[in-house]
Amino acid sequence: MKTTTLPELADTKSPAGADIRFIMDGSTGNMIHGTVPPVR
């Protein structure tokens, strides 16, 4: 299994406010990492 270090800054934000980091872009799909903020 391959491991990677996530960048400190997010690549973009989702409409719900989650920080999105792009991990992998492949010919059959992509992989992202999302950090969702707490609900207030």
PDB file of N, CA and C in Angstrom:
ATOM      1  N   MET A   1       0.840  -1.168   0.000  1.00  0.00           N
ATOM      2  CA  MET A   1       0.000   0.000   0.000  1.00  0.00           C
ATOM      3  C   MET A   1       0.892   1.239   0.000  1.00  0.00           C
ATOM      4  N   LYS A   2       0.518   2.220  -0.770  1.00  0.00           N
ATOM      5  CA  LYS A   2       1.271   3.472  -0.851  1.00  0.00           C
ATOM      6  C   LYS A   2       0.691   4.478   0.147  1.00  0.00           C
ATOM      7  N   THR A   3       1.558   5.207   0.811  1.00  0.00           N
ATOM      8  CA  THR A   3       1.112   6.282   1.700  1.00  0.00           C
ATOM      9  C   THR A   3       1.555   7.618   1.129  1.00  0.00           C
ATOM     10  N   THR A   4       0.875   8.670   1.529  1.00  0.00           N
ATOM     11  CA  THR A   4       1.219  10.011   1.067  1.00  0.00           C
ATOM     12  C   THR A   4       0.971  11.008   2.181  1.00  0.00           C
ATOM     13  N   THR A   5       1.669  12.105   2.136  1.00  0.00           N
ATOM     14  CA  THR A   5       1.456  13.181   3.092  1.00  0.00           C
ATOM     15  C   THR A   5       0.521  14.204   2.459  1.00  0.00           C
ATOM     16  N   LEU A   6      -0.548  14.522   3.155  1.00  0.00           N
ATOM     17  CA  LEU A   6      -1.499  15.498   2.627  1.00  0.00           C
ATOM     18  C   LEU A   6      -0.920  16.899   2.708  1.00  0.00           C
ATOM     19  N   PRO A   7      -1.177  17.716   1.697  1.00  0.00           N
ATOM     20  CA  PRO A   7      -0.725  19.108   1.776  1.00  0.00           C
ATOM     21  C   PRO A   7      -1.469  19.839   2.886  1.00  0.00           C
ATOM     22  N   GLU A   8      -0.809  20.796   3.507  1.00  0.00           N
ATOM     23  CA  GLU A   8      -1.431  21.532   4.612  1.00  0.00           C
ATOM     24  C   GLU A   8      -2.627  22.358   4.130  1.00  0.00           C
ATOM     25  N   LEU A   9      -2.499  22.969   2.967  1.00  0.00           N
ATOM     26  CA  LEU A   9      -3.585  23.779   2.432  1.00  0.00           C
ATOM     27  C   LEU A   9      -4.465  22.951   1.506  1.00  0.00           C
ATOM     28  N   ALA A  10      -5.769  23.167   1.595  1.00  0.00           N
ATOM     29  CA  ALA A  10      -6.714  22.454   0.742  1.00  0.00           C
ATOM     30  C   ALA A  10      -6.612  22.949  -0.699  1.00  0.00           C
ATOM     31  N   ASP A  11      -6.933  22.060  -1.641  1.00  0.00           N
ATOM     32  CA  ASP A  11      -6.959  22.437  -3.055  1.00  0.00           C
ATOM     33  C   ASP A  11      -8.205  23.254  -3.387  1.00  0.00           C
ATOM     34  N   THR A  12      -9.303  22.943  -2.702  1.00  0.00           N
ATOM     35  CA  THR A  12     -10.570  23.641  -2.944  1.00  0.00           C
ATOM     36  C   THR A  12     -11.499  23.401  -1.758  1.00  0.00           C
ATOM     37  N   LYS A  13     -12.683  23.977  -1.799  1.00  0.00           N
ATOM     38  CA  LYS A  13     -13.712  23.749  -0.775  1.00  0.00           C
ATOM     39  C   LYS A  13     -14.960  23.207  -1.442  1.00  0.00           C
ATOM     40  N   SER A  14     -15.649  22.329  -0.755  1.00  0.00           N
ATOM     41  CA  SER A  14     -16.915  21.815  -1.258  1.00  0.00           C
ATOM     42  C   SER A  14     -18.011  22.840  -0.976  1.00  0.00           C
ATOM     43  N   PRO A  15     -19.173  22.699  -1.615  1.00  0.00           N
ATOM     44  CA  PRO A  15     -20.285  23.611  -1.332  1.00  0.00           C
ATOM     45  C   PRO A  15     -20.710  23.593   0.146  1.00  0.00           C
ATOM     46  N   ALA A  16     -20.454  22.469   0.833  1.00  0.00           N
ATOM     47  CA  ALA A  16     -20.812  22.358   2.250  1.00  0.00           C
ATOM     48  C   ALA A  16     -19.734  22.916   3.174  1.00  0.00           C
ATOM     49  N   GLY A  17     -18.607  23.352   2.599  1.00  0.00           N
ATOM     50  CA  GLY A  17     -17.542  23.947   3.409  1.00  0.00           C
ATOM     51  C   GLY A  17     -16.402  23.017   3.768  1.00  0.00           C
ATOM     52  N   ALA A  18     -16.407  21.790   3.245  1.00  0.00           N
ATOM     53  CA  ALA A  18     -15.330  20.845   3.541  1.00  0.00           C
ATOM     54  C   ALA A  18     -14.068  21.225   2.766  1.00  0.00           C
ATOM     55  N   ASP A  19     -12.913  21.045   3.404  1.00  0.00           N
ATOM     56  CA  ASP A  19     -11.630  21.222   2.722  1.00  0.00           C
ATOM     57  C   ASP A  19     -11.367  19.981   1.878  1.00  0.00           C
ATOM     58  N   ILE A  20     -11.071  20.164   0.596  1.00  0.00           N
ATOM     59  CA  ILE A  20     -10.849  19.059  -0.324  1.00  0.00           C
ATOM     60  C   ILE A  20      -9.405  19.076  -0.810  1.00  0.00           C
ATOM     61  N   ARG A  21      -8.758  17.907  -0.710  1.00  0.00           N
ATOM     62  CA  ARG A  21      -7.400  17.729  -1.219  1.00  0.00           C
ATOM     63  C   ARG A  21      -7.426  16.601  -2.243  1.00  0.00           C
ATOM     64  N   PHE A  22      -6.894  16.850  -3.421  1.00  0.00           N
ATOM     65  CA  PHE A  22      -6.848  15.837  -4.472  1.00  0.00           C
ATOM     66  C   PHE A  22      -5.655  14.930  -4.225  1.00  0.00           C
ATOM     67  N   ILE A  23      -5.910  13.619  -4.151  1.00  0.00           N
ATOM     68  CA  ILE A  23      -4.859  12.651  -3.871  1.00  0.00           C
ATOM     69  C   ILE A  23      -4.374  11.981  -5.147  1.00  0.00           C
ATOM     70  N   MET A  24      -5.323  11.571  -6.006  1.00  0.00           N
ATOM     71  CA  MET A  24      -4.965  10.782  -7.172  1.00  0.00           C
ATOM     72  C   MET A  24      -5.928  11.081  -8.314  1.00  0.00           C
ATOM     73  N   ASP A  25      -5.413  11.095  -9.529  1.00  0.00           N
ATOM     74  CA  ASP A  25      -6.230  11.273 -10.720  1.00  0.00           C
ATOM     75  C   ASP A  25      -5.878  10.145 -11.677  1.00  0.00           C
ATOM     76  N   GLY A  26      -6.801   9.212 -11.849  1.00  0.00           N
ATOM     77  CA  GLY A  26      -6.530   8.056 -12.695  1.00  0.00           C
ATOM     78  C   GLY A  26      -7.455   8.006 -13.901  1.00  0.00           C
ATOM     79  N   SER A  27      -7.165   7.097 -14.799  1.00  0.00           N
ATOM     80  CA  SER A  27      -7.968   6.984 -16.015  1.00  0.00           C
ATOM     81  C   SER A  27      -9.367   6.442 -15.733  1.00  0.00           C
ATOM     82  N   THR A  28      -9.543   5.732 -14.614  1.00  0.00           N
ATOM     83  CA  THR A  28     -10.857   5.173 -14.286  1.00  0.00           C
ATOM     84  C   THR A  28     -11.521   5.844 -13.088  1.00  0.00           C
ATOM     85  N   GLY A  29     -10.878   6.851 -12.519  1.00  0.00           N
ATOM     86  CA  GLY A  29     -11.485   7.545 -11.380  1.00  0.00           C
ATOM     87  C   GLY A  29     -10.472   8.379 -10.627  1.00  0.00           C
ATOM     88  N   ASN A  30     -10.965   9.122  -9.664  1.00  0.00           N
ATOM     89  CA  ASN A  30     -10.140  10.021  -8.857  1.00  0.00           C
ATOM     90  C   ASN A  30     -10.288   9.661  -7.392  1.00  0.00           C
ATOM     91  N   MET A  31      -9.378  10.175  -6.566  1.00  0.00           N
ATOM     92  CA  MET A  31      -9.474   9.997  -5.133  1.00  0.00           C
ATOM     93  C   MET A  31      -9.210  11.343  -4.473  1.00  0.00           C
ATOM     94  N   ILE A  32     -10.054  11.673  -3.491  1.00  0.00           N
ATOM     95  CA  ILE A  32      -9.879  12.923  -2.759  1.00  0.00           C
ATOM     96  C   ILE A  32      -9.860  12.629  -1.262  1.00  0.00           C
ATOM     97  N   HIS A  33      -9.430  13.610  -0.495  1.00  0.00           N
ATOM     98  CA  HIS A  33      -9.519  13.561   0.962  1.00  0.00           C
ATOM     99  C   HIS A  33     -10.310  14.784   1.374  1.00  0.00           C
ATOM    100  N   GLY A  34     -11.340  14.590   2.177  1.00  0.00           N
ATOM    101  CA  GLY A  34     -12.167  15.710   2.619  1.00  0.00           C
ATOM    102  C   GLY A  34     -12.163  15.823   4.130  1.00  0.00           C
ATOM    103  N   THR A  35     -12.072  17.053   4.620  1.00  0.00           N
ATOM    104  CA  THR A  35     -12.169  17.337   6.046  1.00  0.00           C
ATOM    105  C   THR A  35     -13.405  18.209   6.235  1.00  0.00           C
ATOM    106  N   VAL A  36     -14.388  17.655   6.944  1.00  0.00           N
ATOM    107  CA  VAL A  36     -15.662  18.332   7.129  1.00  0.00           C
ATOM    108  C   VAL A  36     -15.627  19.111   8.449  1.00  0.00           C
ATOM    109  N   PRO A  37     -16.013  20.399   8.414  1.00  0.00           N
ATOM    110  CA  PRO A  37     -16.023  21.174   9.655  1.00  0.00           C
ATOM    111  C   PRO A  37     -17.149  20.713  10.575  1.00  0.00           C
ATOM    112  N   PRO A  38     -17.012  20.935  11.883  1.00  0.00           N
ATOM    113  CA  PRO A  38     -18.077  20.531  12.824  1.00  0.00           C
ATOM    114  C   PRO A  38     -19.346  21.353  12.586  1.00  0.00           C
ATOM    115  N   VAL A  39     -20.471  20.742  12.899  1.00  0.00           N
ATOM    116  CA  VAL A  39     -21.776  21.414  12.776  1.00  0.00           C
ATOM    117  C   VAL A  39     -21.959  22.284  14.012  1.00  0.00           C
ATOM    118  N   ARG A  40     -22.425  23.491  13.790  1.00  0.00           N
ATOM    119  CA  ARG A  40     -22.655  24.393  14.939  1.00  0.00           C
ATOM    120  C   ARG A  40     -24.101  24.659  15.131  1.00  0.00           C
TER     121      ARG A  40
END
